[in-house]
Protein backbone atom coordinates (compact mmCIF):
# COMPACT_ATOMS: atom_id res chain seq x y z
CA MET A 1 -31.59 36.75 41.87
CA GLY A 2 -32.85 33.23 41.49
CA CYS A 3 -35.12 31.96 38.72
CA LEU A 4 -38.00 31.33 41.10
CA THR A 5 -37.77 34.85 42.51
CA ARG A 6 -37.83 36.35 38.99
CA LEU A 7 -40.81 34.21 38.05
CA CYS A 8 -42.74 35.29 41.23
CA ILE A 9 -41.97 38.97 40.55
CA TYR A 10 -43.02 38.57 36.88
CA ILE A 11 -46.31 36.93 37.89
CA ALA A 12 -46.99 39.60 40.49
CA VAL A 13 -46.35 42.39 38.01
CA MET A 14 -48.53 40.82 35.36
CA CYS A 15 -51.35 40.39 37.86
CA LEU A 16 -51.00 44.08 38.81
CA VAL A 17 -51.13 45.11 35.11
CA GLY A 18 -54.14 42.89 34.59
CA TRP A 19 -55.86 44.49 37.52
CA LEU A 20 -55.06 48.02 36.31
CA PHE A 21 -55.89 47.58 32.63
CA CYS A 22 -58.29 44.69 32.40
CA ASP A 23 -60.58 44.33 35.44
CA ILE A 24 -63.79 42.64 34.28
CA SER A 25 -67.09 43.90 35.75
CA PRO A 26 -69.57 41.12 36.42
CA GLU A 27 -72.64 43.20 35.50
CA LYS A 28 -71.44 44.70 32.19
CA THR A 29 -72.05 43.21 28.75
CA TYR A 30 -68.86 43.15 26.65
CA SER A 31 -68.47 43.25 22.82
CA TRP A 32 -65.95 41.93 20.37
CA TYR A 33 -63.00 44.21 21.11
CA HIS A 34 -63.29 43.41 24.84
CA GLY A 35 -62.98 39.76 23.86
CA ILE A 36 -59.51 40.46 22.38
CA TRP A 37 -58.48 42.47 25.40
CA HIS A 38 -59.73 39.96 27.95
CA GLY A 39 -58.07 37.12 25.96
CA LEU A 40 -54.65 38.94 26.09
CA PHE A 41 -55.05 39.22 29.90
CA PHE A 42 -56.33 35.64 30.40
CA ILE A 43 -53.39 34.27 32.37
CA PRO A 44 -53.03 37.16 34.81
CA ASN A 45 -56.82 37.27 35.35
CA LEU A 46 -56.93 33.50 35.81
CA ILE A 47 -54.24 33.75 38.54
CA ARG A 48 -56.10 36.61 40.17
CA SER A 49 -59.28 34.56 40.13
CA TRP A 50 -57.60 31.80 42.19
CA PHE A 51 -56.89 34.25 45.00
CA GLY A 52 -59.95 36.50 44.88
CA ASP A 53 -63.17 37.22 43.11
CA ALA A 54 -61.69 38.47 39.86
CA LEU A 55 -63.14 37.26 36.55
CA TYR A 56 -61.07 35.90 33.64
CA LYS A 57 -64.09 35.93 31.29
CA ALA A 58 -67.09 38.14 31.28
CA ASN A 59 -70.46 36.88 32.47
CA TYR A 60 -72.41 38.73 29.79
CA TYR A 61 -70.99 38.99 26.24
CA THR A 62 -71.75 38.89 22.57
CA ASP A 63 -71.08 35.99 20.24
CA ALA A 64 -68.18 37.86 18.62
CA TYR A 65 -66.69 38.41 22.15
CA ASN A 66 -66.83 34.66 22.78
CA VAL A 67 -65.11 33.74 19.46
CA LEU A 68 -62.36 36.38 19.78
CA TRP A 69 -61.84 35.60 23.47
CA TRP A 70 -61.19 31.94 22.63
CA ILE A 71 -58.87 32.74 19.73
CA THR A 72 -56.88 35.35 21.67
CA THR A 73 -56.79 33.19 24.82
CA ILE A 74 -55.39 30.21 22.95
CA MET A 75 -52.81 32.32 21.12
CA SER A 76 -51.69 34.02 24.33
CA CYS A 77 -51.33 30.63 26.13
CA ILE A 78 -49.29 29.32 23.26
CA GLY A 79 -47.20 32.43 23.28
CA THR A 80 -46.61 32.13 27.05
CA VAL A 81 -45.59 28.50 26.82
CA PHE A 82 -43.45 28.59 23.64
CA GLY A 83 -42.61 32.24 23.13
CA GLY A 84 -40.79 34.92 25.03
CA GLY A 85 -37.42 33.35 24.91
CA ARG A 86 -34.46 35.70 24.46
CA LYS A 87 -32.00 34.99 21.76
CA GLU A 88 -28.59 36.28 22.76
CA TYR A 89 -26.16 36.99 20.00
CA TYR A 90 -22.48 37.41 20.76
């Protein structure tokens, strides 16, 4: 299986997981622990927002939500870009 095919399958699975576990309601007010959860699923929800009406950040939130969302989003983006590499030992 090619690298592009694996990447597409990975993105599709992550978007499905984001939809199942982290679908953001536009009418609900979210608190600090939701900020962490929504920040962890930022990239799948961002990709979902490109193709539909999904939100990647809540419309109504507390100040703690906003702070923790930014921290977790930045850390998850850094982890996606620089982390996740497998080290194979022989």
